[in-house]
């Protein structure tokens, strides 16, 4: 996976989490739960990508 696309995904996932936290009062209750679960999954995957990138930082990629 390209580093640029990973970085864009990580920024987008964390931005979604911040927007959901800031606007939680204006989101309808039924939609709030589903969006919270989706954002938790996306942020969890973003953390995985960060850890994966750190582990592979020392390997030689061609």
N, C-alpha and C. Protein backbone atom coordinates (compact mmCIF):
# COMPACT_ATOMS: atom_id res chain seq x y z
N UNK A 1 0.85 -1.17 0.00
CA UNK A 1 0.00 0.00 0.00
C UNK A 1 0.89 1.24 0.00
N UNK A 2 0.53 2.21 -0.77
CA UNK A 2 1.29 3.43 -0.88
C UNK A 2 1.22 4.23 0.42
N UNK A 3 2.32 4.86 0.80
CA UNK A 3 2.38 5.62 2.05
C UNK A 3 1.45 6.83 2.01
N UNK A 4 1.30 7.43 0.84
CA UNK A 4 0.44 8.60 0.72
C UNK A 4 -1.02 8.23 0.94
N UNK A 5 -1.46 7.15 0.37
CA UNK A 5 -2.86 6.74 0.56
C UNK A 5 -3.11 6.31 1.99
N UNK A 6 -2.13 5.69 2.63
CA UNK A 6 -2.28 5.33 4.04
C UNK A 6 -2.40 6.57 4.91
N UNK A 7 -1.57 7.56 4.63
CA UNK A 7 -1.62 8.80 5.40
C UNK A 7 -2.94 9.52 5.22
N UNK A 8 -3.45 9.55 4.01
CA UNK A 8 -4.74 10.19 3.75
C UNK A 8 -5.85 9.46 4.49
N UNK A 9 -5.82 8.11 4.48
CA UNK A 9 -6.84 7.35 5.20
C UNK A 9 -6.77 7.61 6.70
N UNK A 10 -5.56 7.65 7.25
CA UNK A 10 -5.40 7.89 8.69
C UNK A 10 -5.95 9.26 9.08
N UNK A 11 -5.62 10.27 8.30
CA UNK A 11 -6.13 11.62 8.58
C UNK A 11 -7.64 11.66 8.46
N UNK A 12 -8.19 11.01 7.44
CA UNK A 12 -9.64 11.01 7.25
C UNK A 12 -10.36 10.27 8.38
N UNK A 13 -9.80 9.16 8.84
CA UNK A 13 -10.44 8.39 9.91
C UNK A 13 -10.46 9.18 11.21
N UNK A 14 -9.33 9.80 11.55
CA UNK A 14 -9.30 10.60 12.77
C UNK A 14 -10.16 11.85 12.66
N UNK A 15 -10.23 12.43 11.47
CA UNK A 15 -11.09 13.59 11.27
C UNK A 15 -12.57 13.22 11.43
N UNK A 16 -12.95 12.06 10.92
CA UNK A 16 -14.32 11.59 11.10
C UNK A 16 -14.64 11.43 12.59
N UNK A 17 -13.71 10.85 13.34
CA UNK A 17 -13.91 10.70 14.78
C UNK A 17 -14.07 12.04 15.49
N UNK A 18 -13.26 13.01 15.12
CA UNK A 18 -13.35 14.34 15.74
C UNK A 18 -14.67 15.01 15.39
N UNK A 19 -15.08 14.92 14.13
CA UNK A 19 -16.35 15.53 13.73
C UNK A 19 -17.52 14.87 14.45
N UNK A 20 -17.50 13.56 14.60
CA UNK A 20 -18.58 12.88 15.31
C UNK A 20 -18.63 13.29 16.77
N UNK A 21 -17.48 13.47 17.40
CA UNK A 21 -17.45 13.90 18.79
C UNK A 21 -17.96 15.32 18.93
N UNK A 22 -17.56 16.20 18.01
CA UNK A 22 -17.96 17.60 18.10
C UNK A 22 -19.43 17.81 17.76
N UNK A 23 -19.98 17.01 16.87
CA UNK A 23 -21.37 17.20 16.42
C UNK A 23 -22.32 16.12 16.93
N UNK A 24 -21.99 15.48 18.03
CA UNK A 24 -22.81 14.36 18.50
C UNK A 24 -24.23 14.77 18.90
N UNK A 25 -24.44 16.03 19.26
CA UNK A 25 -25.78 16.47 19.65
C UNK A 25 -26.69 16.70 18.45
N UNK A 26 -26.12 17.00 17.29
CA UNK A 26 -26.94 17.30 16.13
C UNK A 26 -27.19 16.09 15.23
N UNK A 27 -26.58 14.95 15.55
CA UNK A 27 -26.78 13.73 14.75
C UNK A 27 -27.96 12.95 15.33
N UNK A 28 -28.90 12.48 14.50
CA UNK A 28 -30.03 11.70 15.01
C UNK A 28 -29.57 10.45 15.75
N UNK A 29 -30.34 10.02 16.74
CA UNK A 29 -29.94 8.92 17.62
C UNK A 29 -29.71 7.61 16.87
N UNK A 30 -30.58 7.28 15.91
CA UNK A 30 -30.41 6.02 15.17
C UNK A 30 -29.15 6.04 14.32
N UNK A 31 -28.83 7.18 13.77
CA UNK A 31 -27.65 7.29 12.93
C UNK A 31 -26.37 7.40 13.77
N UNK A 32 -26.49 7.95 14.96
CA UNK A 32 -25.34 8.16 15.83
C UNK A 32 -24.64 6.86 16.19
N UNK A 33 -25.42 5.85 16.52
CA UNK A 33 -24.83 4.57 16.93
C UNK A 33 -24.09 3.89 15.77
N UNK A 34 -24.72 3.88 14.60
CA UNK A 34 -24.09 3.24 13.44
C UNK A 34 -22.82 3.98 13.03
N UNK A 35 -22.87 5.30 13.03
CA UNK A 35 -21.68 6.07 12.66
C UNK A 35 -20.57 5.92 13.69
N UNK A 36 -20.94 5.78 14.96
CA UNK A 36 -19.93 5.58 16.00
C UNK A 36 -19.23 4.23 15.81
N UNK A 37 -19.98 3.20 15.49
CA UNK A 37 -19.38 1.88 15.27
C UNK A 37 -18.47 1.90 14.04
N UNK A 38 -18.94 2.53 12.97
CA UNK A 38 -18.12 2.62 11.76
C UNK A 38 -16.84 3.41 12.03
N UNK A 39 -16.95 4.52 12.75
CA UNK A 39 -15.75 5.32 13.02
C UNK A 39 -14.79 4.60 13.95
N UNK A 40 -15.29 3.81 14.90
CA UNK A 40 -14.41 3.01 15.76
C UNK A 40 -13.63 2.00 14.92
N UNK A 41 -14.31 1.35 13.98
CA UNK A 41 -13.62 0.40 13.11
C UNK A 41 -12.57 1.08 12.24
N UNK A 42 -12.91 2.23 11.68
CA UNK A 42 -11.97 2.94 10.82
C UNK A 42 -10.76 3.45 11.62
N UNK A 43 -11.00 3.98 12.81
CA UNK A 43 -9.89 4.46 13.64
C UNK A 43 -9.03 3.29 14.10
N UNK A 44 -9.65 2.16 14.42
CA UNK A 44 -8.88 0.97 14.78
C UNK A 44 -8.00 0.51 13.64
N UNK A 45 -8.52 0.52 12.42
CA UNK A 45 -7.72 0.14 11.26
C UNK A 45 -6.61 1.16 11.01
N UNK A 46 -6.88 2.44 11.28
CA UNK A 46 -5.85 3.46 11.13
C UNK A 46 -4.71 3.22 12.13
N UNK A 47 -5.04 2.85 13.36
CA UNK A 47 -4.00 2.51 14.33
C UNK A 47 -3.20 1.31 13.86
N UNK A 48 -3.88 0.32 13.29
CA UNK A 48 -3.18 -0.84 12.74
C UNK A 48 -2.20 -0.42 11.65
N UNK A 49 -2.62 0.48 10.77
CA UNK A 49 -1.74 0.95 9.70
C UNK A 49 -0.53 1.69 10.27
N UNK A 50 -0.73 2.46 11.32
CA UNK A 50 0.39 3.17 11.95
C UNK A 50 1.39 2.19 12.53
N UNK A 51 0.89 1.19 13.27
CA UNK A 51 1.77 0.19 13.87
C UNK A 51 2.46 -0.63 12.79
N UNK A 52 1.75 -0.99 11.75
CA UNK A 52 2.33 -1.76 10.64
C UNK A 52 3.44 -0.97 9.96
N UNK A 53 3.21 0.33 9.77
CA UNK A 53 4.24 1.16 9.14
C UNK A 53 5.46 1.27 10.04
N UNK A 54 5.26 1.34 11.34
CA UNK A 54 6.40 1.42 12.26
C UNK A 54 7.21 0.13 12.26
N UNK A 55 6.54 -1.01 12.21
CA UNK A 55 7.24 -2.27 12.17
C UNK A 55 8.02 -2.46 10.87
N UNK A 56 7.49 -1.97 9.78
CA UNK A 56 8.15 -2.13 8.48
C UNK A 56 9.06 -0.97 8.12
N UNK A 57 9.31 -0.08 9.05
CA UNK A 57 10.12 1.08 8.76
C UNK A 57 11.58 0.69 8.44
N UNK A 58 12.08 -0.33 9.08
CA UNK A 58 13.48 -0.69 8.88
C UNK A 58 13.73 -1.65 7.73
N UNK A 59 12.69 -2.18 7.13
CA UNK A 59 12.89 -3.14 6.04
C UNK A 59 13.21 -2.41 4.75
N UNK A 60 13.95 -3.09 3.89
CA UNK A 60 14.33 -2.51 2.61
C UNK A 60 13.23 -2.80 1.59
N UNK A 61 12.57 -1.74 1.11
CA UNK A 61 11.50 -1.90 0.13
C UNK A 61 11.98 -1.40 -1.22
N UNK A 62 11.70 -2.17 -2.26
CA UNK A 62 12.13 -1.77 -3.59
C UNK A 62 10.97 -1.52 -4.49
